N, C-alpha and C. Protein backbone atom coordinates (compact mmCIF):
# COMPACT_ATOMS: atom_id res chain seq x y z
N MET A 1 153.69 118.21 75.57
CA MET A 1 154.63 117.28 76.20
C MET A 1 154.90 116.12 75.25
N PRO A 2 156.17 115.77 75.02
CA PRO A 2 156.48 114.69 74.08
C PRO A 2 156.10 113.31 74.63
N TRP A 3 155.76 112.43 73.70
CA TRP A 3 155.44 111.05 74.05
C TRP A 3 156.74 110.28 74.26
N LYS A 4 156.67 109.28 75.11
CA LYS A 4 157.81 108.41 75.37
C LYS A 4 157.67 107.17 74.48
N LEU A 5 158.75 106.76 73.84
CA LEU A 5 158.75 105.55 73.04
C LEU A 5 159.39 104.43 73.85
N VAL A 6 158.69 103.29 73.92
CA VAL A 6 159.19 102.10 74.62
C VAL A 6 159.32 101.00 73.57
N PHE A 7 160.47 100.38 73.51
CA PHE A 7 160.73 99.37 72.50
C PHE A 7 160.63 97.98 73.13
N LYS A 8 159.69 97.19 72.63
CA LYS A 8 159.48 95.84 73.14
C LYS A 8 160.52 94.88 72.60
N LYS A 9 160.69 93.78 73.30
CA LYS A 9 161.67 92.76 72.93
C LYS A 9 161.45 92.32 71.47
N GLU A 10 162.53 92.23 70.74
CA GLU A 10 162.55 91.78 69.34
C GLU A 10 161.87 92.72 68.35
N TRP A 11 161.65 93.97 68.73
CA TRP A 11 161.06 94.93 67.79
C TRP A 11 161.95 95.09 66.56
N ASP A 12 163.27 94.91 66.74
CA ASP A 12 164.24 95.18 65.68
C ASP A 12 164.69 93.94 64.91
N LYS A 13 163.93 92.88 65.01
CA LYS A 13 164.26 91.62 64.33
C LYS A 13 164.57 91.85 62.85
N HIS A 14 163.74 92.61 62.16
CA HIS A 14 163.93 92.89 60.73
C HIS A 14 164.75 94.16 60.53
N PHE A 15 164.55 95.13 61.41
CA PHE A 15 165.22 96.43 61.32
C PHE A 15 166.73 96.28 61.20
N LYS A 16 167.32 95.37 61.96
CA LYS A 16 168.76 95.16 61.96
C LYS A 16 169.29 94.77 60.58
N LYS A 17 168.43 94.18 59.74
CA LYS A 17 168.85 93.69 58.43
C LYS A 17 168.68 94.73 57.32
N PHE A 18 168.01 95.84 57.61
CA PHE A 18 167.79 96.87 56.60
C PHE A 18 169.08 97.63 56.34
N ASP A 19 169.20 98.20 55.13
CA ASP A 19 170.40 99.01 54.87
C ASP A 19 170.35 100.29 55.69
N LYS A 20 171.50 100.91 55.82
CA LYS A 20 171.65 102.07 56.73
C LYS A 20 170.72 103.22 56.36
N GLU A 21 170.48 103.44 55.09
CA GLU A 21 169.62 104.56 54.66
C GLU A 21 168.17 104.35 55.13
N ILE A 22 167.68 103.13 55.02
CA ILE A 22 166.32 102.80 55.49
C ILE A 22 166.27 102.95 57.01
N GLN A 23 167.29 102.46 57.70
CA GLN A 23 167.33 102.60 59.16
C GLN A 23 167.26 104.06 59.57
N LYS A 24 167.98 104.94 58.86
CA LYS A 24 167.95 106.37 59.18
C LYS A 24 166.55 106.95 59.02
N ARG A 25 165.87 106.55 57.95
CA ARG A 25 164.50 107.04 57.71
C ARG A 25 163.56 106.60 58.82
N ILE A 26 163.71 105.36 59.27
CA ILE A 26 162.86 104.83 60.34
C ILE A 26 163.18 105.53 61.66
N LEU A 27 164.46 105.76 61.94
CA LEU A 27 164.84 106.46 63.16
C LEU A 27 164.30 107.89 63.16
N LYS A 28 164.28 108.52 61.99
CA LYS A 28 163.70 109.86 61.88
C LYS A 28 162.21 109.82 62.21
N LYS A 29 161.52 108.79 61.75
CA LYS A 29 160.09 108.63 62.04
C LYS A 29 159.87 108.44 63.53
N PHE A 30 160.77 107.71 64.21
CA PHE A 30 160.66 107.56 65.66
C PHE A 30 160.68 108.94 66.33
N SER A 31 161.53 109.82 65.88
CA SER A 31 161.59 111.17 66.45
C SER A 31 160.26 111.88 66.25
N GLN A 32 159.67 111.74 65.07
CA GLN A 32 158.38 112.37 64.78
C GLN A 32 157.27 111.77 65.64
N MET A 33 157.39 110.49 65.96
CA MET A 33 156.36 109.80 66.74
C MET A 33 156.30 110.30 68.19
N LYS A 34 157.30 111.02 68.63
CA LYS A 34 157.28 111.56 69.98
C LYS A 34 156.30 112.72 70.10
N GLN A 35 155.86 113.22 68.96
CA GLN A 35 154.86 114.28 68.94
C GLN A 35 153.46 113.67 68.97
N PRO A 36 152.47 114.40 69.45
CA PRO A 36 151.11 113.86 69.53
C PRO A 36 150.40 113.87 68.17
N LEU A 37 150.87 113.03 67.26
CA LEU A 37 150.27 112.93 65.93
C LEU A 37 149.31 111.76 65.85
N MET A 38 148.34 111.85 64.98
CA MET A 38 147.39 110.76 64.78
C MET A 38 148.03 109.67 63.93
N ALA A 39 147.83 108.44 64.31
CA ALA A 39 148.35 107.30 63.55
C ALA A 39 147.17 106.50 62.99
N ARG A 40 147.46 105.73 61.96
CA ARG A 40 146.44 104.90 61.33
C ARG A 40 146.27 103.62 62.15
N GLY A 41 145.04 103.22 62.34
CA GLY A 41 144.76 101.98 63.06
C GLY A 41 143.80 101.10 62.29
N LEU A 42 143.67 99.88 62.72
CA LEU A 42 142.74 98.94 62.10
C LEU A 42 141.53 98.78 63.01
N LYS A 43 140.36 98.72 62.43
CA LYS A 43 139.12 98.65 63.22
C LYS A 43 139.08 97.48 64.18
N GLN A 44 139.58 96.32 63.75
CA GLN A 44 139.48 95.11 64.57
C GLN A 44 140.65 94.96 65.55
N SER A 45 141.53 95.95 65.64
CA SER A 45 142.71 95.82 66.50
C SER A 45 143.06 97.16 67.14
N LYS A 46 143.80 97.09 68.22
CA LYS A 46 144.28 98.31 68.87
C LYS A 46 145.68 98.68 68.38
N VAL A 47 146.20 97.90 67.44
CA VAL A 47 147.52 98.19 66.88
C VAL A 47 147.42 99.42 65.99
N LEU A 48 148.34 100.36 66.19
CA LEU A 48 148.44 101.53 65.34
C LEU A 48 149.65 101.35 64.43
N VAL A 49 149.61 102.00 63.27
CA VAL A 49 150.67 101.81 62.29
C VAL A 49 151.15 103.16 61.75
N GLU A 50 152.45 103.31 61.69
CA GLU A 50 153.08 104.43 61.00
C GLU A 50 153.79 103.84 59.80
N GLU A 51 153.79 104.58 58.69
CA GLU A 51 154.42 104.11 57.47
C GLU A 51 155.65 104.95 57.15
N VAL A 52 156.68 104.27 56.68
CA VAL A 52 157.89 104.91 56.18
C VAL A 52 158.15 104.25 54.83
N GLY A 53 157.59 104.83 53.77
CA GLY A 53 157.67 104.19 52.46
C GLY A 53 156.94 102.86 52.52
N GLN A 54 157.63 101.78 52.14
CA GLN A 54 157.02 100.45 52.18
C GLN A 54 157.19 99.76 53.53
N TYR A 55 157.75 100.46 54.50
CA TYR A 55 158.01 99.88 55.82
C TYR A 55 156.94 100.30 56.81
N ARG A 56 156.71 99.46 57.82
CA ARG A 56 155.66 99.69 58.81
C ARG A 56 156.24 99.65 60.22
N ILE A 57 155.71 100.53 61.05
CA ILE A 57 156.03 100.55 62.47
C ILE A 57 154.71 100.27 63.19
N ALA A 58 154.62 99.15 63.88
CA ALA A 58 153.40 98.78 64.60
C ALA A 58 153.62 99.05 66.08
N PHE A 59 152.63 99.72 66.69
CA PHE A 59 152.77 100.09 68.09
C PHE A 59 151.41 100.20 68.77
N TYR A 60 151.45 100.19 70.09
CA TYR A 60 150.26 100.43 70.91
C TYR A 60 150.48 101.77 71.60
N GLN A 61 149.41 102.49 71.80
CA GLN A 61 149.48 103.81 72.39
C GLN A 61 148.77 103.84 73.73
N ASN A 62 149.46 104.34 74.74
CA ASN A 62 148.89 104.49 76.08
C ASN A 62 148.68 105.98 76.31
N GLU A 63 147.43 106.43 76.17
CA GLU A 63 147.09 107.85 76.28
C GLU A 63 147.38 108.40 77.68
N GLU A 64 147.11 107.61 78.70
CA GLU A 64 147.27 108.08 80.07
C GLU A 64 148.73 108.36 80.42
N GLU A 65 149.62 107.53 79.92
CA GLU A 65 151.04 107.67 80.25
C GLU A 65 151.84 108.37 79.15
N LEU A 66 151.14 108.79 78.08
CA LEU A 66 151.79 109.41 76.92
C LEU A 66 152.96 108.54 76.45
N GLN A 67 152.63 107.28 76.21
CA GLN A 67 153.64 106.29 75.86
C GLN A 67 153.22 105.52 74.62
N LYS A 68 154.17 105.29 73.72
CA LYS A 68 153.95 104.46 72.54
C LYS A 68 154.89 103.27 72.62
N GLU A 69 154.31 102.06 72.59
CA GLU A 69 155.09 100.82 72.70
C GLU A 69 155.32 100.26 71.30
N ILE A 70 156.56 100.33 70.84
CA ILE A 70 156.94 99.84 69.52
C ILE A 70 157.09 98.32 69.61
N HIS A 71 156.27 97.60 68.83
CA HIS A 71 156.31 96.14 68.85
C HIS A 71 156.93 95.55 67.61
N PHE A 72 156.90 96.29 66.50
CA PHE A 72 157.35 95.71 65.24
C PHE A 72 157.80 96.80 64.27
N VAL A 73 158.86 96.50 63.53
CA VAL A 73 159.29 97.32 62.40
C VAL A 73 159.69 96.37 61.28
N GLY A 74 159.11 96.54 60.11
CA GLY A 74 159.43 95.68 58.98
C GLY A 74 158.75 96.15 57.72
N ASN A 75 158.99 95.43 56.62
CA ASN A 75 158.33 95.82 55.38
C ASN A 75 156.87 95.34 55.41
N HIS A 76 156.14 95.68 54.36
CA HIS A 76 154.70 95.39 54.35
C HIS A 76 154.41 93.89 54.50
N LYS A 77 155.15 93.06 53.78
CA LYS A 77 154.93 91.60 53.87
C LYS A 77 155.23 91.08 55.27
N GLN A 78 156.32 91.54 55.84
CA GLN A 78 156.70 91.12 57.20
C GLN A 78 155.64 91.58 58.20
N TYR A 79 155.10 92.78 57.98
CA TYR A 79 154.06 93.31 58.86
C TYR A 79 152.80 92.45 58.79
N GLU A 80 152.38 92.07 57.59
CA GLU A 80 151.18 91.24 57.45
C GLU A 80 151.37 89.92 58.19
N LYS A 81 152.54 89.31 58.07
CA LYS A 81 152.82 88.05 58.76
C LYS A 81 152.79 88.26 60.28
N TRP A 82 153.43 89.34 60.74
CA TRP A 82 153.44 89.66 62.18
C TRP A 82 152.02 89.88 62.70
N PHE A 83 151.24 90.64 61.96
CA PHE A 83 149.89 90.99 62.38
C PHE A 83 149.01 89.75 62.50
N LYS A 84 149.12 88.84 61.55
CA LYS A 84 148.32 87.60 61.60
C LYS A 84 148.69 86.75 62.82
N GLY A 85 149.92 86.88 63.31
CA GLY A 85 150.36 86.12 64.46
C GLY A 85 149.95 86.74 65.79
N GLN A 86 149.30 87.88 65.77
CA GLN A 86 148.87 88.56 67.00
C GLN A 86 147.64 87.95 67.57
């Protein structure tokens, strides 16, 4: 059964500024994220991360509801800044 993606407010703050080719690559990754694949996480946080080249997709995963909540999309530097603000 495919996972549902839920996009939180302002997830696309940086995404909107990326060129169209990068946006396409990220949208393709969203399609892949609907599958039950393992994502990389950090030990001290429940945030999971998918990578698309130098870009990061930060999300939380709800196993019971088969739902992934997309909170952030941006490049590595933007991700580090976002993560420190959590």
